[in-house]
């Protein structure tokens, strides 16, 4: 059995915001509220996207008509998993229970040093 750090990405929709910074703040706050206090060990951050034209790294947020979609990265440690796939399934199950109706996708699974 090994220990892993699993990163998942989630698409979070935020309504009635004027700026991308507001959208990011609201998305992180809403996700944190749904995860805490039971899952306070899950780290929530804004995802990063690389521009295909210039190569610049940008925050994963798109705002139009006062509605934003924010790409969040949710990271947690999984202990005593059989393999990387098992660790990913555990993380998706644990986080998915708290974040119902939010699509989750595995970004990375790395052995814990």
C-alpha atoms as a PDB file:
ATOM      1  CA  UNK A   1       0.000   0.000   0.000  1.00  0.00           C
ATOM      2  CA  UNK A   2       1.274   3.441  -0.937  1.00  0.00           C
ATOM      3  CA  UNK A   3       0.379   7.045  -0.264  1.00  0.00           C
ATOM      4  CA  UNK A   4      -0.463   9.521  -3.031  1.00  0.00           C
ATOM      5  CA  UNK A   5      -1.297  13.157  -3.666  1.00  0.00           C
ATOM      6  CA  UNK A   6      -4.295  13.365  -6.007  1.00  0.00           C
ATOM      7  CA  UNK A   7      -5.251  16.537  -7.874  1.00  0.00           C
ATOM      8  CA  UNK A   8      -8.717  16.901  -9.376  1.00  0.00           C
ATOM      9  CA  UNK A   9     -10.083  19.709 -11.500  1.00  0.00           C
ATOM     10  CA  UNK A  10     -13.610  21.046 -11.172  1.00  0.00           C
ATOM     11  CA  UNK A  11     -15.616  23.492 -13.260  1.00  0.00           C
ATOM     12  CA  UNK A  12     -17.378  25.922 -10.915  1.00  0.00           C
ATOM     13  CA  UNK A  13     -20.097  28.268 -12.196  1.00  0.00           C
ATOM     14  CA  UNK A  14     -20.469  31.643 -10.488  1.00  0.00           C
ATOM     15  CA  UNK A  15     -23.324  34.031 -11.263  1.00  0.00           C
ATOM     16  CA  UNK A  16     -23.713  37.784 -10.750  1.00  0.00           C
ATOM     17  CA  UNK A  17     -20.044  38.774 -10.689  1.00  0.00           C
ATOM     18  CA  UNK A  18     -18.422  41.738 -12.374  1.00  0.00           C
ATOM     19  CA  UNK A  19     -14.732  40.748 -12.427  1.00  0.00           C
ATOM     20  CA  UNK A  20     -12.680  37.592 -12.761  1.00  0.00           C
ATOM     21  CA  UNK A  21     -11.118  38.241  -9.345  1.00  0.00           C
ATOM     22  CA  UNK A  22     -14.590  38.310  -7.775  1.00  0.00           C
ATOM     23  CA  UNK A  23     -15.490  35.084  -9.586  1.00  0.00           C
ATOM     24  CA  UNK A  24     -12.346  33.375  -8.292  1.00  0.00           C
ATOM     25  CA  UNK A  25     -13.027  34.514  -4.739  1.00  0.00           C
ATOM     26  CA  UNK A  26     -16.645  33.380  -4.814  1.00  0.00           C
ATOM     27  CA  UNK A  27     -15.778  29.994  -6.365  1.00  0.00           C
ATOM     28  CA  UNK A  28     -13.090  29.251  -3.772  1.00  0.00           C
ATOM     29  CA  UNK A  29     -15.360  30.380  -0.924  1.00  0.00           C
ATOM     30  CA  UNK A  30     -18.317  28.290  -2.130  1.00  0.00           C
ATOM     31  CA  UNK A  31     -16.166  25.198  -2.645  1.00  0.00           C
ATOM     32  CA  UNK A  32     -14.544  25.664   0.756  1.00  0.00           C
ATOM     33  CA  UNK A  33     -17.941  26.025   2.428  1.00  0.00           C
ATOM     34  CA  UNK A  34     -19.143  22.750   0.910  1.00  0.00           C
ATOM     35  CA  UNK A  35     -15.941  20.919   1.837  1.00  0.00           C
ATOM     36  CA  UNK A  36     -15.580  22.164   5.425  1.00  0.00           C
ATOM     37  CA  UNK A  37     -15.544  21.066   8.188  1.00  0.00           C
ATOM     38  CA  UNK A  38     -15.576  17.377   7.203  1.00  0.00           C
ATOM     39  CA  UNK A  39     -13.046  17.709   4.376  1.00  0.00           C
ATOM     40  CA  UNK A  40     -10.853  20.541   5.615  1.00  0.00           C
ATOM     41  CA  UNK A  41      -7.808  18.563   4.428  1.00  0.00           C
ATOM     42  CA  UNK A  42      -8.709  19.236   0.767  1.00  0.00           C
ATOM     43  CA  UNK A  43      -6.757  22.158  -0.688  1.00  0.00           C
ATOM     44  CA  UNK A  44      -8.654  24.402  -3.129  1.00  0.00           C
ATOM     45  CA  UNK A  45      -6.827  26.570  -5.667  1.00  0.00           C
ATOM     46  CA  UNK A  46      -7.549  28.231  -8.988  1.00  0.00           C
ATOM     47  CA  UNK A  47      -6.395  26.190 -11.964  1.00  0.00           C
ATOM     48  CA  UNK A  48      -3.902  27.468 -14.509  1.00  0.00           C
ATOM     49  CA  UNK A  49      -4.271  27.424 -18.287  1.00  0.00           C
ATOM     50  CA  UNK A  50      -1.548  28.052 -20.837  1.00  0.00           C
ATOM     51  CA  UNK A  51      -2.430  30.310 -23.752  1.00  0.00           C
ATOM     52  CA  UNK A  52      -1.932  28.291 -26.964  1.00  0.00           C
ATOM     53  CA  UNK A  53      -0.746  31.384 -28.874  1.00  0.00           C
ATOM     54  CA  UNK A  54       1.636  33.215 -26.552  1.00  0.00           C
ATOM     55  CA  UNK A  55       2.420  30.510 -23.982  1.00  0.00           C
ATOM     56  CA  UNK A  56       1.519  32.757 -21.030  1.00  0.00           C
ATOM     57  CA  UNK A  57       0.062  31.023 -17.961  1.00  0.00           C
ATOM     58  CA  UNK A  58      -3.374  32.406 -17.039  1.00  0.00           C
ATOM     59  CA  UNK A  59      -5.931  31.734 -14.312  1.00  0.00           C
ATOM     60  CA  UNK A  60      -8.640  29.326 -15.462  1.00  0.00           C
ATOM     61  CA  UNK A  61     -11.597  31.676 -15.432  1.00  0.00           C
ATOM     62  CA  UNK A  62     -13.942  32.820 -18.188  1.00  0.00           C
ATOM     63  CA  UNK A  63     -16.401  35.650 -17.574  1.00  0.00           C
ATOM     64  CA  UNK A  64     -19.251  36.708 -19.834  1.00  0.00           C
ATOM     65  CA  UNK A  65     -22.588  38.394 -19.069  1.00  0.00           C
ATOM     66  CA  UNK A  66     -21.824  38.505 -15.325  1.00  0.00           C
ATOM     67  CA  UNK A  67     -21.514  34.708 -15.248  1.00  0.00           C
ATOM     68  CA  UNK A  68     -18.179  32.950 -14.866  1.00  0.00           C
ATOM     69  CA  UNK A  69     -16.835  29.453 -15.081  1.00  0.00           C
ATOM     70  CA  UNK A  70     -13.841  28.972 -12.822  1.00  0.00           C
ATOM     71  CA  UNK A  71     -11.481  26.020 -13.077  1.00  0.00           C
ATOM     72  CA  UNK A  72     -10.597  24.870  -9.568  1.00  0.00           C
ATOM     73  CA  UNK A  73      -7.912  22.386  -8.567  1.00  0.00           C
ATOM     74  CA  UNK A  74      -8.774  20.254  -5.547  1.00  0.00           C
ATOM     75  CA  UNK A  75      -5.873  18.388  -3.993  1.00  0.00           C
ATOM     76  CA  UNK A  76      -5.852  15.770  -1.264  1.00  0.00           C
ATOM     77  CA  UNK A  77      -3.561  13.101   0.156  1.00  0.00           C
ATOM     78  CA  UNK A  78      -4.741   9.511  -0.119  1.00  0.00           C
ATOM     79  CA  UNK A  79      -3.173   6.986   2.228  1.00  0.00           C
ATOM     80  CA  UNK A  80      -2.866   3.210   1.810  1.00  0.00           C
ATOM     81  CA  UNK A  81      -4.095   2.979  -1.781  1.00  0.00           C
ATOM     82  CA  UNK A  82      -3.330  -0.111  -3.843  1.00  0.00           C
ATOM     83  CA  UNK A  83      -2.198   1.868  -6.907  1.00  0.00           C
ATOM     84  CA  UNK A  84      -2.635   5.210  -8.685  1.00  0.00           C
ATOM     85  CA  UNK A  85      -6.050   4.305 -10.119  1.00  0.00           C
ATOM     86  CA  UNK A  86      -7.293   3.262  -6.689  1.00  0.00           C
ATOM     87  CA  UNK A  87      -6.048   6.549  -5.183  1.00  0.00           C
ATOM     88  CA  UNK A  88      -7.836   8.538  -7.909  1.00  0.00           C
ATOM     89  CA  UNK A  89     -11.095   6.651  -7.318  1.00  0.00           C
ATOM     90  CA  UNK A  90     -10.858   7.279  -3.566  1.00  0.00           C
ATOM     91  CA  UNK A  91     -10.280  11.011  -4.066  1.00  0.00           C
ATOM     92  CA  UNK A  92     -13.131  11.350  -6.574  1.00  0.00           C
ATOM     93  CA  UNK A  93     -15.461   9.494  -4.239  1.00  0.00           C
ATOM     94  CA  UNK A  94     -14.576  11.502  -1.125  1.00  0.00           C
ATOM     95  CA  UNK A  95     -14.631  14.911  -2.810  1.00  0.00           C
ATOM     96  CA  UNK A  96     -17.559  14.013  -5.079  1.00  0.00           C
ATOM     97  CA  UNK A  97     -19.802  13.284  -2.098  1.00  0.00           C
ATOM     98  CA  UNK A  98     -19.285  16.840  -0.823  1.00  0.00           C
ATOM     99  CA  UNK A  99     -19.475  18.507  -4.236  1.00  0.00           C
ATOM    100  CA  UNK A 100     -22.561  16.907  -5.717  1.00  0.00           C
ATOM    101  CA  UNK A 101     -23.387  17.928  -9.311  1.00  0.00           C
ATOM    102  CA  UNK A 102     -19.853  19.251  -9.896  1.00  0.00           C
ATOM    103  CA  UNK A 103     -17.864  17.510 -12.616  1.00  0.00           C
ATOM    104  CA  UNK A 104     -14.495  16.238 -11.396  1.00  0.00           C
ATOM    105  CA  UNK A 105     -11.596  15.141 -13.554  1.00  0.00           C
ATOM    106  CA  UNK A 106      -8.298  13.635 -12.392  1.00  0.00           C
ATOM    107  CA  UNK A 107      -5.367  15.924 -13.239  1.00  0.00           C
ATOM    108  CA  UNK A 108      -2.534  14.063 -11.550  1.00  0.00           C
ATOM    109  CA  UNK A 109      -1.719  11.288  -9.122  1.00  0.00           C
ATOM    110  CA  UNK A 110       1.758  11.452  -7.613  1.00  0.00           C
ATOM    111  CA  UNK A 111       3.414   9.250  -4.999  1.00  0.00           C
ATOM    112  CA  UNK A 112       3.753  10.990  -1.655  1.00  0.00           C
ATOM    113  CA  UNK A 113       7.377  11.406  -0.697  1.00  0.00           C
END
